[in-house]
Amino acid sequence: MNSNDDEITERLTRVFRSVFREPDLIIQPEMTSADVENWDSLSHINLVAAVEKEFKIRFTTSEIMELKNVGDLDGIVHQKTRS
């Protein structure tokens, strides 16, 4: 993992903490909505929008539908920020 990877993970962590209002939340690649108390369909939309805003990227509908966990989200952010 390089410093850019670390920066992306730190920024994603800040977004998750803000959206879910959990200042001590630690994200893990295998984490899913079942692991976060307030992660429902509405907060998922808010999370996607907040990630798009933070990284100045846009997700396609199919990318959003394919997300299974935080690791998937992290991977897409990495792909889109390297472009």
PDB file of N, CA and C in Angstrom:
ATOM      1  N   MET A   1       0.853  -1.192   0.000  1.00  0.00           N
ATOM      2  CA  MET A   1       0.000   0.000   0.000  1.00  0.00           C
ATOM      3  C   MET A   1       0.890   1.243   0.000  1.00  0.00           C
ATOM      4  N   ASN A   2       0.626   2.162  -0.887  1.00  0.00           N
ATOM      5  CA  ASN A   2       1.428   3.378  -0.915  1.00  0.00           C
ATOM      6  C   ASN A   2       0.703   4.513  -0.200  1.00  0.00           C
ATOM      7  N   SER A   3       1.351   5.683  -0.169  1.00  0.00           N
ATOM      8  CA  SER A   3       0.767   6.804   0.580  1.00  0.00           C
ATOM      9  C   SER A   3      -0.562   7.264  -0.020  1.00  0.00           C
ATOM     10  N   ASN A   4      -0.740   7.133  -1.343  1.00  0.00           N
ATOM     11  CA  ASN A   4      -2.008   7.486  -1.965  1.00  0.00           C
ATOM     12  C   ASN A   4      -3.121   6.557  -1.481  1.00  0.00           C
ATOM     13  N   ASP A   5      -2.792   5.259  -1.347  1.00  0.00           N
ATOM     14  CA  ASP A   5      -3.766   4.297  -0.828  1.00  0.00           C
ATOM     15  C   ASP A   5      -4.162   4.670   0.597  1.00  0.00           C
ATOM     16  N   ASP A   6      -3.171   5.020   1.408  1.00  0.00           N
ATOM     17  CA  ASP A   6      -3.437   5.424   2.789  1.00  0.00           C
ATOM     18  C   ASP A   6      -4.331   6.667   2.833  1.00  0.00           C
ATOM     19  N   GLU A   7      -4.057   7.616   1.952  1.00  0.00           N
ATOM     20  CA  GLU A   7      -4.841   8.850   1.917  1.00  0.00           C
ATOM     21  C   GLU A   7      -6.293   8.556   1.534  1.00  0.00           C
ATOM     22  N   ILE A   8      -6.481   7.698   0.546  1.00  0.00           N
ATOM     23  CA  ILE A   8      -7.838   7.350   0.122  1.00  0.00           C
ATOM     24  C   ILE A   8      -8.582   6.671   1.264  1.00  0.00           C
ATOM     25  N   THR A   9      -7.932   5.740   1.948  1.00  0.00           N
ATOM     26  CA  THR A   9      -8.560   5.047   3.080  1.00  0.00           C
ATOM     27  C   THR A   9      -8.903   6.031   4.194  1.00  0.00           C
ATOM     28  N   GLU A  10      -8.027   6.957   4.478  1.00  0.00           N
ATOM     29  CA  GLU A  10      -8.298   7.978   5.510  1.00  0.00           C
ATOM     30  C   GLU A  10      -9.493   8.835   5.114  1.00  0.00           C
ATOM     31  N   ARG A  11      -9.542   9.236   3.865  1.00  0.00           N
ATOM     32  CA  ARG A  11     -10.657  10.062   3.402  1.00  0.00           C
ATOM     33  C   ARG A  11     -11.964   9.280   3.427  1.00  0.00           C
ATOM     34  N   LEU A  12     -11.926   8.009   3.002  1.00  0.00           N
ATOM     35  CA  LEU A  12     -13.127   7.170   3.065  1.00  0.00           C
ATOM     36  C   LEU A  12     -13.593   7.006   4.511  1.00  0.00           C
ATOM     37  N   THR A  13     -12.657   6.819   5.418  1.00  0.00           N
ATOM     38  CA  THR A  13     -13.000   6.681   6.831  1.00  0.00           C
ATOM     39  C   THR A  13     -13.709   7.928   7.332  1.00  0.00           C
ATOM     40  N   ARG A  14     -13.199   9.101   6.969  1.00  0.00           N
ATOM     41  CA  ARG A  14     -13.842  10.356   7.389  1.00  0.00           C
ATOM     42  C   ARG A  14     -15.268  10.451   6.836  1.00  0.00           C
ATOM     43  N   VAL A  15     -15.455  10.040   5.582  1.00  0.00           N
ATOM     44  CA  VAL A  15     -16.795  10.077   4.973  1.00  0.00           C
ATOM     45  C   VAL A  15     -17.736   9.142   5.731  1.00  0.00           C
ATOM     46  N   PHE A  16     -17.300   7.910   5.985  1.00  0.00           N
ATOM     47  CA  PHE A  16     -18.127   6.957   6.725  1.00  0.00           C
ATOM     48  C   PHE A  16     -18.486   7.499   8.101  1.00  0.00           C
ATOM     49  N   ARG A  17     -17.506   8.053   8.801  1.00  0.00           N
ATOM     50  CA  ARG A  17     -17.755   8.590  10.150  1.00  0.00           C
ATOM     51  C   ARG A  17     -18.767   9.726  10.104  1.00  0.00           C
ATOM     52  N   SER A  18     -18.690  10.550   9.079  1.00  0.00           N
ATOM     53  CA  SER A  18     -19.616  11.673   8.950  1.00  0.00           C
ATOM     54  C   SER A  18     -21.026  11.192   8.609  1.00  0.00           C
ATOM     55  N   VAL A  19     -21.144  10.334   7.615  1.00  0.00           N
ATOM     56  CA  VAL A  19     -22.459   9.869   7.167  1.00  0.00           C
ATOM     57  C   VAL A  19     -23.177   9.108   8.278  1.00  0.00           C
ATOM     58  N   PHE A  20     -22.442   8.245   8.987  1.00  0.00           N
ATOM     59  CA  PHE A  20     -23.073   7.413  10.008  1.00  0.00           C
ATOM     60  C   PHE A  20     -22.996   8.022  11.406  1.00  0.00           C
ATOM     61  N   ARG A  21     -22.411   9.217  11.498  1.00  0.00           N
ATOM     62  CA  ARG A  21     -22.295   9.948  12.773  1.00  0.00           C
ATOM     63  C   ARG A  21     -21.683   9.058  13.866  1.00  0.00           C
ATOM     64  N   GLU A  22     -20.618   8.365  13.486  1.00  0.00           N
ATOM     65  CA  GLU A  22     -19.872   7.513  14.411  1.00  0.00           C
ATOM     66  C   GLU A  22     -18.405   7.919  14.341  1.00  0.00           C
ATOM     67  N   PRO A  23     -17.973   8.817  15.234  1.00  0.00           N
ATOM     68  CA  PRO A  23     -16.626   9.378  15.153  1.00  0.00           C
ATOM     69  C   PRO A  23     -15.500   8.358  15.330  1.00  0.00           C
ATOM     70  N   ASP A  24     -15.787   7.196  15.884  1.00  0.00           N
ATOM     71  CA  ASP A  24     -14.747   6.199  16.111  1.00  0.00           C
ATOM     72  C   ASP A  24     -14.838   5.014  15.149  1.00  0.00           C
ATOM     73  N   LEU A  25     -15.698   5.115  14.132  1.00  0.00           N
ATOM     74  CA  LEU A  25     -15.893   4.016  13.194  1.00  0.00           C
ATOM     75  C   LEU A  25     -14.593   3.699  12.459  1.00  0.00           C
ATOM     76  N   ILE A  26     -14.236   2.431  12.448  1.00  0.00           N
ATOM     77  CA  ILE A  26     -13.074   1.948  11.711  1.00  0.00           C
ATOM     78  C   ILE A  26     -13.609   1.087  10.569  1.00  0.00           C
ATOM     79  N   ILE A  27     -13.275   1.459   9.342  1.00  0.00           N
ATOM     80  CA  ILE A  27     -13.758   0.673   8.210  1.00  0.00           C
ATOM     81  C   ILE A  27     -12.766  -0.443   7.899  1.00  0.00           C
ATOM     82  N   GLN A  28     -13.319  -1.570   7.475  1.00  0.00           N
ATOM     83  CA  GLN A  28     -12.549  -2.738   7.085  1.00  0.00           C
ATOM     84  C   GLN A  28     -13.050  -3.185   5.718  1.00  0.00           C
ATOM     85  N   PRO A  29     -12.198  -3.785   4.884  1.00  0.00           N
ATOM     86  CA  PRO A  29     -12.624  -4.186   3.540  1.00  0.00           C
ATOM     87  C   PRO A  29     -13.838  -5.114   3.529  1.00  0.00           C
ATOM     88  N   GLU A  30     -13.943  -5.998   4.504  1.00  0.00           N
ATOM     89  CA  GLU A  30     -15.042  -6.972   4.515  1.00  0.00           C
ATOM     90  C   GLU A  30     -16.328  -6.428   5.151  1.00  0.00           C
ATOM     91  N   MET A  31     -16.288  -5.198   5.659  1.00  0.00           N
ATOM     92  CA  MET A  31     -17.443  -4.598   6.330  1.00  0.00           C
ATOM     93  C   MET A  31     -18.602  -4.408   5.352  1.00  0.00           C
ATOM     94  N   THR A  32     -19.814  -4.739   5.823  1.00  0.00           N
ATOM     95  CA  THR A  32     -21.030  -4.557   5.027  1.00  0.00           C
ATOM     96  C   THR A  32     -22.026  -3.718   5.820  1.00  0.00           C
ATOM     97  N   SER A  33     -23.164  -3.452   5.205  1.00  0.00           N
ATOM     98  CA  SER A  33     -24.205  -2.672   5.884  1.00  0.00           C
ATOM     99  C   SER A  33     -24.684  -3.356   7.159  1.00  0.00           C
ATOM    100  N   ALA A  34     -24.593  -4.676   7.213  1.00  0.00           N
ATOM    101  CA  ALA A  34     -25.008  -5.406   8.415  1.00  0.00           C
ATOM    102  C   ALA A  34     -24.100  -5.109   9.614  1.00  0.00           C
ATOM    103  N   ASP A  35     -22.903  -4.589   9.352  1.00  0.00           N
ATOM    104  CA  ASP A  35     -21.934  -4.311  10.416  1.00  0.00           C
ATOM    105  C   ASP A  35     -22.059  -2.914  11.011  1.00  0.00           C
ATOM    106  N   VAL A  36     -22.864  -2.057  10.387  1.00  0.00           N
ATOM    107  CA  VAL A  36     -22.992  -0.673  10.846  1.00  0.00           C
ATOM    108  C   VAL A  36     -24.456  -0.417  11.182  1.00  0.00           C
ATOM    109  N   GLU A  37     -24.692  -0.034  12.424  1.00  0.00           N
ATOM    110  CA  GLU A  37     -26.055   0.065  12.952  1.00  0.00           C
ATOM    111  C   GLU A  37     -26.995   0.897  12.094  1.00  0.00           C
ATOM    112  N   ASN A  38     -26.567   2.050  11.644  1.00  0.00           N
ATOM    113  CA  ASN A  38     -27.465   2.965  10.922  1.00  0.00           C
ATOM    114  C   ASN A  38     -27.351   2.881   9.404  1.00  0.00           C
ATOM    115  N   TRP A  39     -26.747   1.821   8.892  1.00  0.00           N
ATOM    116  CA  TRP A  39     -26.549   1.705   7.450  1.00  0.00           C
ATOM    117  C   TRP A  39     -27.771   1.051   6.818  1.00  0.00           C
ATOM    118  N   ASP A  40     -28.685   1.896   6.382  1.00  0.00           N
ATOM    119  CA  ASP A  40     -29.889   1.426   5.699  1.00  0.00           C
ATOM    120  C   ASP A  40     -29.869   1.959   4.264  1.00  0.00           C
ATOM    121  N   SER A  41     -30.959   1.773   3.546  1.00  0.00           N
ATOM    122  CA  SER A  41     -30.969   2.170   2.133  1.00  0.00           C
ATOM    123  C   SER A  41     -30.799   3.679   1.952  1.00  0.00           C
ATOM    124  N   LEU A  42     -31.395   4.468   2.822  1.00  0.00           N
ATOM    125  CA  LEU A  42     -31.252   5.922   2.708  1.00  0.00           C
ATOM    126  C   LEU A  42     -29.821   6.367   3.031  1.00  0.00           C
ATOM    127  N   SER A  43     -29.253   5.830   4.091  1.00  0.00           N
ATOM    128  CA  SER A  43     -27.883   6.216   4.424  1.00  0.00           C
ATOM    129  C   SER A  43     -26.909   5.706   3.364  1.00  0.00           C
ATOM    130  N   HIS A  44     -27.253   4.617   2.683  1.00  0.00           N
ATOM    131  CA  HIS A  44     -26.407   4.118   1.593  1.00  0.00           C
ATOM    132  C   HIS A  44     -26.352   5.143   0.456  1.00  0.00           C
ATOM    133  N   ILE A  45     -27.499   5.714   0.136  1.00  0.00           N
ATOM    134  CA  ILE A  45     -27.543   6.762  -0.890  1.00  0.00           C
ATOM    135  C   ILE A  45     -26.710   7.966  -0.442  1.00  0.00           C
ATOM    136  N   ASN A  46     -26.867   8.341   0.818  1.00  0.00           N
ATOM    137  CA  ASN A  46     -26.086   9.462   1.348  1.00  0.00           C
ATOM    138  C   ASN A  46     -24.589   9.160   1.320  1.00  0.00           C
ATOM    139  N   LEU A  47     -24.226   7.915   1.621  1.00  0.00           N
ATOM    140  CA  LEU A  47     -22.818   7.509   1.597  1.00  0.00           C
ATOM    141  C   LEU A  47     -22.252   7.615   0.186  1.00  0.00           C
ATOM    142  N   VAL A  48     -22.967   7.076  -0.779  1.00  0.00           N
ATOM    143  CA  VAL A  48     -22.506   7.131  -2.172  1.00  0.00           C
ATOM    144  C   VAL A  48     -22.341   8.582  -2.615  1.00  0.00           C
ATOM    145  N   ALA A  49     -23.309   9.421  -2.311  1.00  0.00           N
ATOM    146  CA  ALA A  49     -23.232  10.838  -2.690  1.00  0.00           C
ATOM    147  C   ALA A  49     -22.057  11.527  -2.007  1.00  0.00           C
ATOM    148  N   ALA A  50     -21.825  11.206  -0.737  1.00  0.00           N
ATOM    149  CA  ALA A  50     -20.719  11.823   0.004  1.00  0.00           C
ATOM    150  C   ALA A  50     -19.366  11.372  -0.547  1.00  0.00           C
ATOM    151  N   VAL A  51     -19.257  10.105  -0.931  1.00  0.00           N
ATOM    152  CA  VAL A  51     -18.008   9.609  -1.526  1.00  0.00           C
ATOM    153  C   VAL A  51     -17.773  10.271  -2.879  1.00  0.00           C
ATOM    154  N   GLU A  52     -18.821  10.384  -3.679  1.00  0.00           N
ATOM    155  CA  GLU A  52     -18.695  11.058  -4.979  1.00  0.00           C
ATOM    156  C   GLU A  52     -18.222  12.497  -4.785  1.00  0.00           C
ATOM    157  N   LYS A  53     -18.791  13.178  -3.832  1.00  0.00           N
ATOM    158  CA  LYS A  53     -18.419  14.576  -3.583  1.00  0.00           C
ATOM    159  C   LYS A  53     -16.984  14.677  -3.077  1.00  0.00           C
ATOM    160  N   GLU A  54     -16.623  13.839  -2.122  1.00  0.00           N
ATOM    161  CA  GLU A  54     -15.275  13.880  -1.535  1.00  0.00           C
ATOM    162  C   GLU A  54     -14.192  13.654  -2.583  1.00  0.00           C
ATOM    163  N   PHE A  55     -14.415  12.689  -3.466  1.00  0.00           N
ATOM    164  CA  PHE A  55     -13.385  12.316  -4.437  1.00  0.00           C
ATOM    165  C   PHE A  55     -13.615  12.907  -5.825  1.00  0.00           C
ATOM    166  N   LYS A  56     -14.689  13.693  -5.967  1.00  0.00           N
ATOM    167  CA  LYS A  56     -15.025  14.315  -7.250  1.00  0.00           C
ATOM    168  C   LYS A  56     -15.088  13.266  -8.364  1.00  0.00           C
ATOM    169  N   ILE A  57     -15.871  12.206  -8.088  1.00  0.00           N
ATOM    170  CA  ILE A  57     -16.070  11.120  -9.041  1.00  0.00           C
ATOM    171  C   ILE A  57     -17.563  10.840  -9.149  1.00  0.00           C
ATOM    172  N   ARG A  58     -17.941  10.008 -10.122  1.00  0.00           N
ATOM    173  CA  ARG A  58     -19.328   9.583 -10.278  1.00  0.00           C
ATOM    174  C   ARG A  58     -19.347   8.073 -10.441  1.00  0.00           C
ATOM    175  N   PHE A  59     -20.290   7.445  -9.754  1.00  0.00           N
ATOM    176  CA  PHE A  59     -20.485   6.009  -9.895  1.00  0.00           C
ATOM    177  C   PHE A  59     -21.612   5.759 -10.894  1.00  0.00           C
ATOM    178  N   THR A  60     -21.493   4.688 -11.652  1.00  0.00           N
ATOM    179  CA  THR A  60     -22.596   4.269 -12.510  1.00  0.00           C
ATOM    180  C   THR A  60     -23.579   3.470 -11.643  1.00  0.00           C
ATOM    181  N   THR A  61     -24.783   3.331 -12.141  1.00  0.00           N
ATOM    182  CA  THR A  61     -25.780   2.537 -11.418  1.00  0.00           C
ATOM    183  C   THR A  61     -25.293   1.109 -11.234  1.00  0.00           C
ATOM    184  N   SER A  62     -24.693   0.532 -12.264  1.00  0.00           N
ATOM    185  CA  SER A  62     -24.221  -0.848 -12.144  1.00  0.00           C
ATOM    186  C   SER A  62     -23.101  -0.970 -11.121  1.00  0.00           C
ATOM    187  N   GLU A  63     -22.222   0.025 -11.029  1.00  0.00           N
ATOM    188  CA  GLU A  63     -21.162  -0.006 -10.005  1.00  0.00           C
ATOM    189  C   GLU A  63     -21.777  -0.003  -8.605  1.00  0.00           C
ATOM    190  N   ILE A  64     -22.772   0.827  -8.400  1.00  0.00           N
ATOM    191  CA  ILE A  64     -23.431   0.907  -7.098  1.00  0.00           C
ATOM    192  C   ILE A  64     -24.119  -0.417  -6.772  1.00  0.00           C
ATOM    193  N   MET A  65     -24.773  -0.999  -7.758  1.00  0.00           N
ATOM    194  CA  MET A  65     -25.492  -2.260  -7.540  1.00  0.00           C
ATOM    195  C   MET A  65     -24.548  -3.418  -7.232  1.00  0.00           C
ATOM    196  N   GLU A  66     -23.322  -3.353  -7.731  1.00  0.00           N
ATOM    197  CA  GLU A  66     -22.361  -4.434  -7.542  1.00  0.00           C
ATOM    198  C   GLU A  66     -21.605  -4.345  -6.214  1.00  0.00           C
ATOM    199  N   LEU A  67     -21.763  -3.251  -5.486  1.00  0.00           N
ATOM    200  CA  LEU A  67     -21.044  -3.100  -4.216  1.00  0.00           C
ATOM    201  C   LEU A  67     -21.524  -4.135  -3.203  1.00  0.00           C
ATOM    202  N   LYS A  68     -20.597  -4.924  -2.704  1.00  0.00           N
ATOM    203  CA  LYS A  68     -20.936  -5.945  -1.707  1.00  0.00           C
ATOM    204  C   LYS A  68     -20.405  -5.582  -0.317  1.00  0.00           C
ATOM    205  N   ASN A  69     -19.324  -4.780  -0.298  1.00  0.00           N
ATOM    206  CA  ASN A  69     -18.702  -4.421   0.979  1.00  0.00           C
ATOM    207  C   ASN A  69     -17.836  -3.171   0.805  1.00  0.00           C
ATOM    208  N   VAL A  70     -17.218  -2.757   1.888  1.00  0.00           N
ATOM    209  CA  VAL A  70     -16.389  -1.550   1.868  1.00  0.00           C
ATOM    210  C   VAL A  70     -15.192  -1.741   0.938  1.00  0.00           C
ATOM    211  N   GLY A  71     -14.660  -2.946   0.868  1.00  0.00           N
ATOM    212  CA  GLY A  71     -13.534  -3.218  -0.019  1.00  0.00           C
ATOM    213  C   GLY A  71     -13.877  -2.958  -1.477  1.00  0.00           C
ATOM    214  N   ASP A  72     -15.099  -3.328  -1.890  1.00  0.00           N
ATOM    215  CA  ASP A  72     -15.545  -3.052  -3.259  1.00  0.00           C
ATOM    216  C   ASP A  72     -15.596  -1.545  -3.520  1.00  0.00           C
ATOM    217  N   LEU A  73     -16.131  -0.807  -2.567  1.00  0.00           N
ATOM    218  CA  LEU A  73     -16.213   0.646  -2.692  1.00  0.00           C
ATOM    219  C   LEU A  73     -14.816   1.248  -2.789  1.00  0.00           C
ATOM    220  N   ASP A  74     -13.930   0.806  -1.923  1.00  0.00           N
ATOM    221  CA  ASP A  74     -12.549   1.281  -1.914  1.00  0.00           C
ATOM    222  C   ASP A  74     -11.887   1.004  -3.269  1.00  0.00           C
ATOM    223  N   GLY A  75     -12.120  -0.175  -3.822  1.00  0.00           N
ATOM    224  CA  GLY A  75     -11.529  -0.532  -5.106  1.00  0.00           C
ATOM    225  C   GLY A  75     -11.997   0.370  -6.233  1.00  0.00           C
ATOM    226  N   ILE A  76     -13.284   0.668  -6.259  1.00  0.00           N
ATOM    227  CA  ILE A  76     -13.818   1.543  -7.306  1.00  0.00           C
ATOM    228  C   ILE A  76     -13.261   2.957  -7.149  1.00  0.00           C
ATOM    229  N   VAL A  77     -13.174   3.434  -5.918  1.00  0.00           N
ATOM    230  CA  VAL A  77     -12.611   4.778  -5.689  1.00  0.00           C
ATOM    231  C   VAL A  77     -11.169   4.814  -6.182  1.00  0.00           C
ATOM    232  N   HIS A  78     -10.394   3.783  -5.871  1.00  0.00           N
ATOM    233  CA  HIS A  78      -9.016   3.730  -6.356  1.00  0.00           C
ATOM    234  C   HIS A  78      -8.948   3.769  -7.879  1.00  0.00           C
ATOM    235  N   GLN A  79      -9.789   2.974  -8.536  1.00  0.00           N
ATOM    236  CA  GLN A  79      -9.803   2.944 -10.001  1.00  0.00           C
ATOM    237  C   GLN A  79     -10.124   4.326 -10.572  1.00  0.00           C
ATOM    238  N   LYS A  80     -11.145   4.950 -10.025  1.00  0.00           N
ATOM    239  CA  LYS A  80     -11.620   6.221 -10.569  1.00  0.00           C
ATOM    240  C   LYS A  80     -10.679   7.380 -10.269  1.00  0.00           C
ATOM    241  N   THR A  81      -9.948   7.307  -9.171  1.00  0.00           N
ATOM    242  CA  THR A  81      -9.030   8.409  -8.848  1.00  0.00           C
ATOM    243  C   THR A  81      -7.692   8.254  -9.551  1.00  0.00           C
ATOM    244  N   ARG A  82      -7.423   7.077 -10.088  1.00  0.00           N
ATOM    245  CA  ARG A  82      -6.189   6.868 -10.849  1.00  0.00           C
ATOM    246  C   ARG A  82      -6.359   7.268 -12.312  1.00  0.00           C
ATOM    247  N   SER A  83      -7.594   7.402 -12.739  1.00  0.00           N
ATOM    248  CA  SER A  83      -7.869   7.713 -14.163  1.00  0.00           C
ATOM    249  C   SER A  83      -7.502   9.124 -14.509  1.00  0.00           C
TER     250      SER A  83
END
